[in-house]
Structure formats: C-alpha cells, structure tokens
C-alpha atoms as a PDB file:
ATOM      1  CA  MET A   1     150.560 133.220 123.521  1.00  0.00           C
ATOM      2  CA  SER A   2     150.924 130.298 126.686  1.00  0.00           C
ATOM      3  CA  ILE A   3     149.819 126.954 126.578  1.00  0.00           C
ATOM      4  CA  LEU A   4     146.392 126.678 127.959  1.00  0.00           C
ATOM      5  CA  ILE A   5     145.355 128.268 125.318  1.00  0.00           C
ATOM      6  CA  ILE A   6     147.840 126.849 122.883  1.00  0.00           C
ATOM      7  CA  LEU A   7     145.403 123.098 124.375  1.00  0.00           C
ATOM      8  CA  ILE A   8     142.180 125.300 123.804  1.00  0.00           C
ATOM      9  CA  ILE A   9     143.272 126.244 120.618  1.00  0.00           C
ATOM     10  CA  LEU A  10     143.843 122.465 119.731  1.00  0.00           C
ATOM     11  CA  THR A  11     141.012 120.846 121.126  1.00  0.00           C
ATOM     12  CA  ILE A  12     139.261 123.199 118.530  1.00  0.00           C
ATOM     13  CA  LEU A  13     141.170 121.863 116.010  1.00  0.00           C
ATOM     14  CA  LEU A  14     141.301 118.828 116.776  1.00  0.00           C
ATOM     15  CA  ASN A  15     136.929 118.260 116.972  1.00  0.00           C
ATOM     16  CA  ILE A  16     136.968 120.488 113.392  1.00  0.00           C
ATOM     17  CA  TYR A  17     138.774 118.604 111.209  1.00  0.00           C
ATOM     18  CA  TYR A  18     139.348 114.696 112.610  1.00  0.00           C
ATOM     19  CA  PRO A  19     136.300 113.925 111.823  1.00  0.00           C
ATOM     20  CA  LYS A  20     136.751 114.584 108.331  1.00  0.00           C
ATOM     21  CA  PHE A  21     140.664 113.556 108.877  1.00  0.00           C
ATOM     22  CA  ARG A  22     139.005 110.751 109.671  1.00  0.00           C
ATOM     23  CA  GLY A  23     136.485 110.050 107.183  1.00  0.00           C
ATOM     24  CA  VAL A  24     139.816 110.866 104.455  1.00  0.00           C
ATOM     25  CA  MET A  25     141.666 108.158 105.349  1.00  0.00           C
ATOM     26  CA  GLY A  26     137.946 105.405 106.363  1.00  0.00           C
ATOM     27  CA  GLU A  27     137.644 105.935 101.734  1.00  0.00           C
ATOM     28  CA  PHE A  28     141.356 105.811 101.436  1.00  0.00           C
ATOM     29  CA  TRP A  29     141.729 102.492 103.231  1.00  0.00           C
ATOM     30  CA  THR A  30     138.753 101.460 101.913  1.00  0.00           C
ATOM     31  CA  LYS A  31     140.284 102.112  98.536  1.00  0.00           C
ATOM     32  CA  LEU A  32     143.276  99.993  99.199  1.00  0.00           C
ATOM     33  CA  GLU A  33     141.356  96.823  99.826  1.00  0.00           C
ATOM     34  CA  LEU A  34     139.359  97.475  97.224  1.00  0.00           C
ATOM     35  CA  SER A  35     142.133  97.244  94.811  1.00  0.00           C
ATOM     36  CA  LYS A  36     142.671  94.243  95.621  1.00  0.00           C
ATOM     37  CA  LEU A  37     140.002  92.480  93.857  1.00  0.00           C
ATOM     38  CA  PRO A  38     140.863  90.696  90.860  1.00  0.00           C
ATOM     39  CA  LYS A  39     140.754  93.152  87.296  1.00  0.00           C
ATOM     40  CA  ASP A  40     139.268  90.747  84.823  1.00  0.00           C
ATOM     41  CA  LYS A  41     136.364  90.274  86.570  1.00  0.00           C
ATOM     42  CA  TYR A  42     135.222  93.232  89.461  1.00  0.00           C
ATOM     43  CA  ILE A  43     135.087  97.242  87.716  1.00  0.00           C
ATOM     44  CA  VAL A  44     135.993  99.975  91.148  1.00  0.00           C
ATOM     45  CA  LEU A  45     134.425 103.338  91.055  1.00  0.00           C
ATOM     46  CA  ASN A  46     134.945 105.318  94.382  1.00  0.00           C
ATOM     47  CA  ASP A  47     133.414 108.185  95.505  1.00  0.00           C
ATOM     48  CA  ILE A  48     130.494 108.348  92.600  1.00  0.00           C
ATOM     49  CA  MET A  49     127.445 110.385  91.714  1.00  0.00           C
ATOM     50  CA  ILE A  50     124.806 110.777  91.021  1.00  0.00           C
ATOM     51  CA  GLU A  51     121.227 113.046  90.304  1.00  0.00           C
ATOM     52  CA  ASP A  52     117.290 112.146  89.796  1.00  0.00           C
ATOM     53  CA  GLU A  53     114.013 113.526  90.244  1.00  0.00           C
ATOM     54  CA  TYR A  54     114.635 112.850  94.026  1.00  0.00           C
ATOM     55  CA  GLY A  55     117.945 114.509  94.617  1.00  0.00           C
ATOM     56  CA  THR A  56     121.472 113.782  94.186  1.00  0.00           C
ATOM     57  CA  HIS A  57     122.986 110.350  95.321  1.00  0.00           C
ATOM     58  CA  GLN A  58     126.630 110.377  96.000  1.00  0.00           C
ATOM     59  CA  ILE A  59     127.903 106.567  96.600  1.00  0.00           C
ATOM     60  CA  ASP A  60     130.740 105.882  98.069  1.00  0.00           C
ATOM     61  CA  HIS A  61     132.201 102.397  96.526  1.00  0.00           C
ATOM     62  CA  LEU A  62     130.411 100.826  94.039  1.00  0.00           C
ATOM     63  CA  VAL A  63     132.382  96.813  92.846  1.00  0.00           C
ATOM     64  CA  LEU A  64     130.541  95.488  88.829  1.00  0.00           C
ATOM     65  CA  SER A  65     130.800  92.714  87.948  1.00  0.00           C
ATOM     66  CA  GLU A  66     128.272  89.844  86.060  1.00  0.00           C
ATOM     67  CA  PHE A  67     128.003  88.180  90.289  1.00  0.00           C
ATOM     68  CA  GLY A  68     126.337  91.806  90.739  1.00  0.00           C
ATOM     69  CA  ILE A  69     126.246  96.046  91.831  1.00  0.00           C
ATOM     70  CA  PHE A  70     127.855  95.929  94.980  1.00  0.00           C
ATOM     71  CA  VAL A  71     127.154  99.484  96.935  1.00  0.00           C
ATOM     72  CA  ILE A  72     129.003 100.209  99.833  1.00  0.00           C
ATOM     73  CA  GLU A  73     128.600 103.027 101.969  1.00  0.00           C
ATOM     74  CA  MET A  74     131.001 103.829 104.142  1.00  0.00           C
ATOM     75  CA  LYS A  75     130.845 104.914 108.079  1.00  0.00           C
ATOM     76  CA  ASN A  76     134.427 105.183 109.717  1.00  0.00           C
ATOM     77  CA  TYR A  77     133.101 105.600 112.868  1.00  0.00           C
ATOM     78  CA  TYR A  78     134.531 103.028 116.076  1.00  0.00           C
ATOM     79  CA  GLY A  79     133.011 102.955 119.417  1.00  0.00           C
ATOM     80  CA  LEU A  80     129.628 100.745 119.345  1.00  0.00           C
ATOM     81  CA  ILE A  81     127.107 100.435 117.039  1.00  0.00           C
ATOM     82  CA  LYS A  82     123.375  99.067 117.892  1.00  0.00           C
ATOM     83  CA  GLY A  83     120.129  99.647 114.573  1.00  0.00           C
ATOM     84  CA  TYR A  84     117.743  97.846 112.976  1.00  0.00           C
ATOM     85  CA  GLU A  85     117.431  97.511 109.422  1.00  0.00           C
ATOM     86  CA  TYR A  86     113.523  98.795 109.341  1.00  0.00           C
ATOM     87  CA  ASN A  87     115.267 101.756 112.747  1.00  0.00           C
ATOM     88  CA  ASN A  88     115.592 105.494 111.090  1.00  0.00           C
ATOM     89  CA  LYS A  89     118.064 105.929 112.783  1.00  0.00           C
ATOM     90  CA  TRP A  90     121.053 104.178 114.754  1.00  0.00           C
ATOM     91  CA  CYS A  91     122.789 104.989 117.977  1.00  0.00           C
ATOM     92  CA  GLN A  92     127.135 105.339 117.665  1.00  0.00           C
ATOM     93  CA  TYR A  93     128.149 104.515 121.664  1.00  0.00           C
ATOM     94  CA  LEU A  94     130.888 106.285 123.004  1.00  0.00           C
ATOM     95  CA  GLY A  95     132.028 106.078 126.848  1.00  0.00           C
ATOM     96  CA  ARG A  96     128.597 107.084 128.591  1.00  0.00           C
ATOM     97  CA  ASN A  97     127.547 109.307 125.143  1.00  0.00           C
ATOM     98  CA  LYS A  98     125.793 108.587 122.313  1.00  0.00           C
ATOM     99  CA  ASN A  99     125.855 109.512 118.401  1.00  0.00           C
ATOM    100  CA  TYR A 100     122.518 108.965 116.301  1.00  0.00           C
ATOM    101  CA  PHE A 101     122.992 109.060 112.913  1.00  0.00           C
ATOM    102  CA  LEU A 102     120.644 108.401 109.994  1.00  0.00           C
ATOM    103  CA  ASN A 103     119.958 104.194 109.421  1.00  0.00           C
ATOM    104  CA  PRO A 104     122.498 103.474 106.177  1.00  0.00           C
ATOM    105  CA  ILE A 105     120.293 101.103 104.899  1.00  0.00           C
ATOM    106  CA  HIS A 106     117.485 103.621 103.947  1.00  0.00           C
ATOM    107  CA  GLN A 107     120.296 105.395 102.856  1.00  0.00           C
ATOM    108  CA  ASN A 108     121.928 102.815 100.427  1.00  0.00           C
ATOM    109  CA  TYR A 109     118.540 102.186  99.684  1.00  0.00           C
ATOM    110  CA  GLY A 110     117.731 105.279  97.599  1.00  0.00           C
ATOM    111  CA  HIS A 111     121.255 104.640  95.894  1.00  0.00           C
ATOM    112  CA  ILE A 112     120.066 101.199  94.493  1.00  0.00           C
ATOM    113  CA  LYS A 113     117.183 103.572  93.082  1.00  0.00           C
ATOM    114  CA  ALA A 114     118.947 105.804  91.211  1.00  0.00           C
ATOM    115  CA  LEU A 115     121.449 103.439  89.741  1.00  0.00           C
ATOM    116  CA  SER A 116     119.228 100.744  88.585  1.00  0.00           C
ATOM    117  CA  ASN A 117     116.787 103.411  87.218  1.00  0.00           C
ATOM    118  CA  LEU A 118     120.213 105.666  85.368  1.00  0.00           C
ATOM    119  CA  VAL A 119     121.500 102.311  84.070  1.00  0.00           C
ATOM    120  CA  LYS A 120     118.147 100.352  83.425  1.00  0.00           C
ATOM    121  CA  LEU A 121     118.471  97.442  85.191  1.00  0.00           C
ATOM    122  CA  ASP A 122     116.449  96.057  88.016  1.00  0.00           C
ATOM    123  CA  ASP A 123     117.065  96.478  91.006  1.00  0.00           C
ATOM    124  CA  LYS A 124     117.337  92.755  92.629  1.00  0.00           C
ATOM    125  CA  PHE A 125     121.372  92.865  90.383  1.00  0.00           C
ATOM    126  CA  PHE A 126     122.140  95.427  93.748  1.00  0.00           C
ATOM    127  CA  ILE A 127     123.429  94.412  96.966  1.00  0.00           C
ATOM    128  CA  SER A 128     123.491  97.447 100.046  1.00  0.00           C
ATOM    129  CA  ILE A 129     126.743  96.693 101.892  1.00  0.00           C
ATOM    130  CA  ILE A 130     127.104  98.412 105.219  1.00  0.00           C
ATOM    131  CA  CYS A 131     130.820  99.093 105.727  1.00  0.00           C
ATOM    132  CA  PHE A 132     132.110  99.939 109.193  1.00  0.00           C
ATOM    133  CA  SER A 133     135.398 100.752 110.026  1.00  0.00           C
ATOM    134  CA  ASN A 134     137.418  97.866 112.096  1.00  0.00           C
ATOM    135  CA  GLN A 135     137.656 100.377 115.161  1.00  0.00           C
ATOM    136  CA  ALA A 136     133.516  99.875 115.227  1.00  0.00           C
ATOM    137  CA  LYS A 137     132.075  96.535 117.137  1.00  0.00           C
ATOM    138  CA  VAL A 138     129.074  96.034 115.145  1.00  0.00           C
ATOM    139  CA  ASP A 139     125.544  95.271 116.843  1.00  0.00           C
ATOM    140  CA  VAL A 140     122.673  95.604 114.280  1.00  0.00           C
ATOM    141  CA  LYS A 141     120.226  93.781 113.321  1.00  0.00           C
ATOM    142  CA  SER A 142     119.574  93.001 109.984  1.00  0.00           C
ATOM    143  CA  ASN A 143     118.931  90.954 107.238  1.00  0.00           C
ATOM    144  CA  SER A 144     120.793  93.388 104.676  1.00  0.00           C
ATOM    145  CA  ILE A 145     124.845  93.869 105.162  1.00  0.00           C
ATOM    146  CA  VAL A 146     126.165  94.679 107.659  1.00  0.00           C
ATOM    147  CA  THR A 147     130.506  94.641 107.520  1.00  0.00           C
ATOM    148  CA  GLN A 148     133.874  96.031 108.888  1.00  0.00           C
ATOM    149  CA  LEU A 149     135.941  96.786 106.641  1.00  0.00           C
ATOM    150  CA  ASP A 150     138.402  93.757 107.411  1.00  0.00           C
ATOM    151  CA  PHE A 151     136.006  91.302 105.952  1.00  0.00           C
ATOM    152  CA  LEU A 152     134.406  93.110 103.076  1.00  0.00           C
ATOM    153  CA  ILE A 153     136.276  91.725 100.147  1.00  0.00           C
ATOM    154  CA  GLY A 154     135.343  88.541 101.397  1.00  0.00           C
ATOM    155  CA  LEU A 155     132.044  88.754 101.409  1.00  0.00           C
ATOM    156  CA  ILE A 156     131.910  90.029  97.870  1.00  0.00           C
ATOM    157  CA  LEU A 157     134.207  87.240  96.947  1.00  0.00           C
ATOM    158  CA  LYS A 158     131.188  84.841  98.592  1.00  0.00           C
ATOM    159  CA  HIS A 159     128.871  85.696  95.167  1.00  0.00           C
ATOM    160  CA  LYS A 160     129.977  83.686  92.825  1.00  0.00           C
ATOM    161  CA  GLU A 161     126.449  82.561  90.948  1.00  0.00           C
ATOM    162  CA  PRO A 162     126.998  84.976  87.686  1.00  0.00           C
ATOM    163  CA  ILE A 163     123.531  87.280  87.651  1.00  0.00           C
ATOM    164  CA  ILE A 164     124.796  89.511  85.398  1.00  0.00           C
ATOM    165  CA  ASN A 165     124.305  89.027  80.918  1.00  0.00           C
ATOM    166  CA  TYR A 166     124.959  92.694  80.029  1.00  0.00           C
ATOM    167  CA  ASP A 167     127.877  93.808  79.535  1.00  0.00           C
ATOM    168  CA  ILE A 168     129.770  95.473  81.920  1.00  0.00           C
ATOM    169  CA  LYS A 169     132.347  97.968  81.078  1.00  0.00           C
ATOM    170  CA  GLN A 170     128.879  99.551  79.252  1.00  0.00           C
ATOM    171  CA  ILE A 171     126.978  99.917  83.289  1.00  0.00           C
ATOM    172  CA  ALA A 172     130.140 101.354  84.359  1.00  0.00           C
ATOM    173  CA  ASP A 173     130.622 102.893  81.418  1.00  0.00           C
ATOM    174  CA  ILE A 174     127.307 104.830  81.543  1.00  0.00           C
ATOM    175  CA  ILE A 175     127.623 105.683  85.202  1.00  0.00           C
ATOM    176  CA  ILE A 176     130.989 107.596  85.338  1.00  0.00           C
ATOM    177  CA  LYS A 177     129.423 109.701  82.761  1.00  0.00           C
ATOM    178  CA  ASN A 178     126.684 110.423  84.255  1.00  0.00           C
ATOM    179  CA  ASN A 179     129.272 111.080  87.562  1.00  0.00           C
ATOM    180  CA  ILE A 180     128.761 114.732  89.122  1.00  0.00           C
ATOM    181  CA  SER A 181     132.114 116.358  89.172  1.00  0.00           C
ATOM    182  CA  ASN A 182     131.289 119.657  89.434  1.00  0.00           C
ATOM    183  CA  LYS A 183     132.793 120.973  93.151  1.00  0.00           C
ATOM    184  CA  ASP A 184     129.522 123.661  93.188  1.00  0.00           C
ATOM    185  CA  LEU A 185     127.067 121.067  93.541  1.00  0.00           C
ATOM    186  CA  ARG A 186     128.991 118.634  95.172  1.00  0.00           C
ATOM    187  CA  LYS A 187     128.732 121.320  96.842  1.00  0.00           C
ATOM    188  CA  GLN A 188     124.895 122.145  98.015  1.00  0.00           C
ATOM    189  CA  HIS A 189     125.183 117.849  98.126  1.00  0.00           C
ATOM    190  CA  ILE A 190     126.373 118.446 101.049  1.00  0.00           C
ATOM    191  CA  LYS A 191     124.677 121.433 102.489  1.00  0.00           C
ATOM    192  CA  ASN A 192     121.090 119.483 101.250  1.00  0.00           C
ATOM    193  CA  ILE A 193     121.757 116.624 103.569  1.00  0.00           C
ATOM    194  CA  HIS A 194     122.592 118.866 106.116  1.00  0.00           C
ATOM    195  CA  ASN A 195     119.045 120.582 106.196  1.00  0.00           C
ATOM    196  CA  LYS A 196     117.214 117.851 105.662  1.00  0.00           C
ATOM    197  CA  ILE A 197     119.228 116.440 109.179  1.00  0.00           C
ATOM    198  CA  ALA A 198     118.039 119.798 110.093  1.00  0.00           C
ATOM    199  CA  TYR A 199     114.315 120.151 108.763  1.00  0.00           C
ATOM    200  CA  ASN A 200     113.422 116.455 109.954  1.00  0.00           C
ATOM    201  CA  LYS A 201     114.682 117.115 113.391  1.00  0.00           C
ATOM    202  CA  GLU A 202     112.517 120.114 113.645  1.00  0.00           C
ATOM    203  CA  LEU A 203     108.869 117.739 112.211  1.00  0.00           C
ATOM    204  CA  GLU A 204     110.406 115.521 115.563  1.00  0.00           C
ATOM    205  CA  ASN A 205     110.377 118.236 117.900  1.00  0.00           C
ATOM    206  CA  ASN A 206     106.249 118.829 116.116  1.00  0.00           C
ATOM    207  CA  MET A 207     105.806 115.004 116.326  1.00  0.00           C
ATOM    208  CA  ILE A 208     105.801 115.165 113.052  1.00  0.00           C
ATOM    209  CA  CYS A 209     106.839 111.913 111.250  1.00  0.00           C
ATOM    210  CA  PRO A 210     110.132 113.168 108.821  1.00  0.00           C
ATOM    211  CA  LYS A 211     109.120 109.417 106.584  1.00  0.00           C
ATOM    212  CA  CYS A 212     105.090 110.344 106.374  1.00  0.00           C
ATOM    213  CA  GLY A 213     104.364 113.527 107.813  1.00  0.00           C
ATOM    214  CA  SER A 214     101.578 110.857 110.562  1.00  0.00           C
ATOM    215  CA  GLU A 215     101.666 112.775 113.919  1.00  0.00           C
ATOM    216  CA  LEU A 216     104.625 110.892 116.568  1.00  0.00           C
ATOM    217  CA  VAL A 217     102.772 108.578 118.910  1.00  0.00           C
ATOM    218  CA  GLU A 218     105.176 107.531 122.287  1.00  0.00           C
ATOM    219  CA  ARG A 219     104.922 103.907 122.948  1.00  0.00           C
ATOM    220  CA  GLN A 220     106.308 100.781 125.573  1.00  0.00           C
ATOM    221  CA  SER A 221     108.241  98.481 123.904  1.00  0.00           C
ATOM    222  CA  LYS A 222     110.917  95.949 126.004  1.00  0.00           C
ATOM    223  CA  ARG A 223     114.153  98.102 124.513  1.00  0.00           C
ATOM    224  CA  GLY A 224     112.421 100.945 126.703  1.00  0.00           C
ATOM    225  CA  ARG A 225     110.701 103.734 125.689  1.00  0.00           C
ATOM    226  CA  PHE A 226     110.163 105.047 122.018  1.00  0.00           C
ATOM    227  CA  ILE A 227     108.804 107.522 119.947  1.00  0.00           C
ATOM    228  CA  GLY A 228     106.794 105.405 116.466  1.00  0.00           C
ATOM    229  CA  CYS A 229     104.336 106.562 114.131  1.00  0.00           C
ATOM    230  CA  SER A 230     101.005 106.476 114.643  1.00  0.00           C
ATOM    231  CA  ASN A 231     100.731 105.163 110.488  1.00  0.00           C
ATOM    232  CA  TYR A 232     102.283 102.395 111.216  1.00  0.00           C
ATOM    233  CA  PRO A 233     102.331  99.618 110.339  1.00  0.00           C
ATOM    234  CA  LYS A 234     102.640 100.712 107.063  1.00  0.00           C
ATOM    235  CA  CYS A 235     105.543 103.292 108.306  1.00  0.00           C
ATOM    236  CA  LYS A 236     108.283 101.811 110.713  1.00  0.00           C
ATOM    237  CA  PHE A 237     110.097 104.932 111.588  1.00  0.00           C
ATOM    238  CA  THR A 238     110.685 104.652 114.966  1.00  0.00           C
ATOM    239  CA  LYS A 239     113.036 107.322 117.463  1.00  0.00           C
ATOM    240  CA  PHE A 240     114.985 105.653 120.777  1.00  0.00           C
ATOM    241  CA  GLU A 241     115.233 107.927 123.021  1.00  0.00           C
END
C-alpha cells in the first residue's frame, strides 16, 4: 500500500473519530475538575439522561448543593465562539471556516425544565452553565453563564448563599432513579437529535421558522444581513448568513 493511500485513510479516520475523541476527553477533564468540589457540600452527577413529555434530555453534568443545582452543558469546541443569548444558532470560527451549532443556552433551558418537573422543584433553583474547553475563545453576549473550563469551579463556588432547604441527597436519588442507562435508548436519543437538526434545516431552507412555524424574512442589521422570524418579537429566531 502506497504512502499516499495510507495518508488518505488516516485523514478519513481522523475526520471521523477526532471529534468523538475530543468529546470524550472534554467530558473526562470536566469530571476531573468537578471532582475537586468539597464532597460534603456538593453532589456531582455525570452523563444523566431523563425523559419527559417532549422526549429525552441528555445532561452532561449536574452539581447539586444547597447553593443551587448547576446544570452544565459542556462544549469541547476550539476556535472563536460567537453568539447572542437569543440567537437560535452560534458560530464557531476556525480560520476562514464557519461552523454553526444550536444555541446551548436554549438546549440547557430544556434540560432545566425537565429536571424541575422531575424533582418538583422551581426552576429558579437551577443555574445554567455553558462551558467551553480552554482551547476556545468565547465571545458570547448573554446574561446566562458562558465560560471556559478553567473558570468553572470558581463560578460554582461564587454561589455562597443557601437557597435550597430540601434534602439534596433525596433530589439526587430521584434523578439517579430516573436516569436512562439503556444503550439502545441512548442511541435513539442521538438519532432523534440528528433527525431534528435535519428537519429544522429543511424548514429554514423553505423559509419557515423552525421554532414557531411562521414565515422567515430577510432583514438587515449593523452586523449584516440575516434571516428572522416574521413573528418577532414573540419569536426571536434569527440566522445570520
């Protein structure tokens, strides 16, 4: 086998498996960081999947304490990350290349609602954290917490005022009891996500808002041309070109 063919095969394998490898390592480093939290005050749960009437929710990391329940969505991306709190998608800049991905704040909001209903606890006790790898430069305009891994522990420890009077261990037990560990169901969850992304993409191509079903229209802003929902301000879906 020639060196060229070997290089081509290696390149193909790298493109397929490198993102998965980065994802696994990102989860590993996040678990390692969270393990530094005092165990007498914090309960850490990793890779939790629960189900509600809207489907399944895969939650990367949960930190339960009397200071709040921290719901952490880990994105092991690199490059420049740009976005706004209400945008449907954010952008990863890798040199001249752009990769768009769904706004993780919206994703985490769904997780929090599902958890809130599961443990019968008001969602005001849940704190959303979007965490990127240290290789990412984050330029996100948001009132929600968007940070890098190096600052994750410090941001959690900043919350020093007890706000939950319920037994944290009991809340953790409810979550663990309802955690879906079946591998087939977890694979179906990933498949559902891919199907939803493809469906939403088809709607956008047909100028239909994937959030509310209204017509999408072209608009102009200081940041350039973009596509927005005609149902604004009730629906804040936007897509910059």
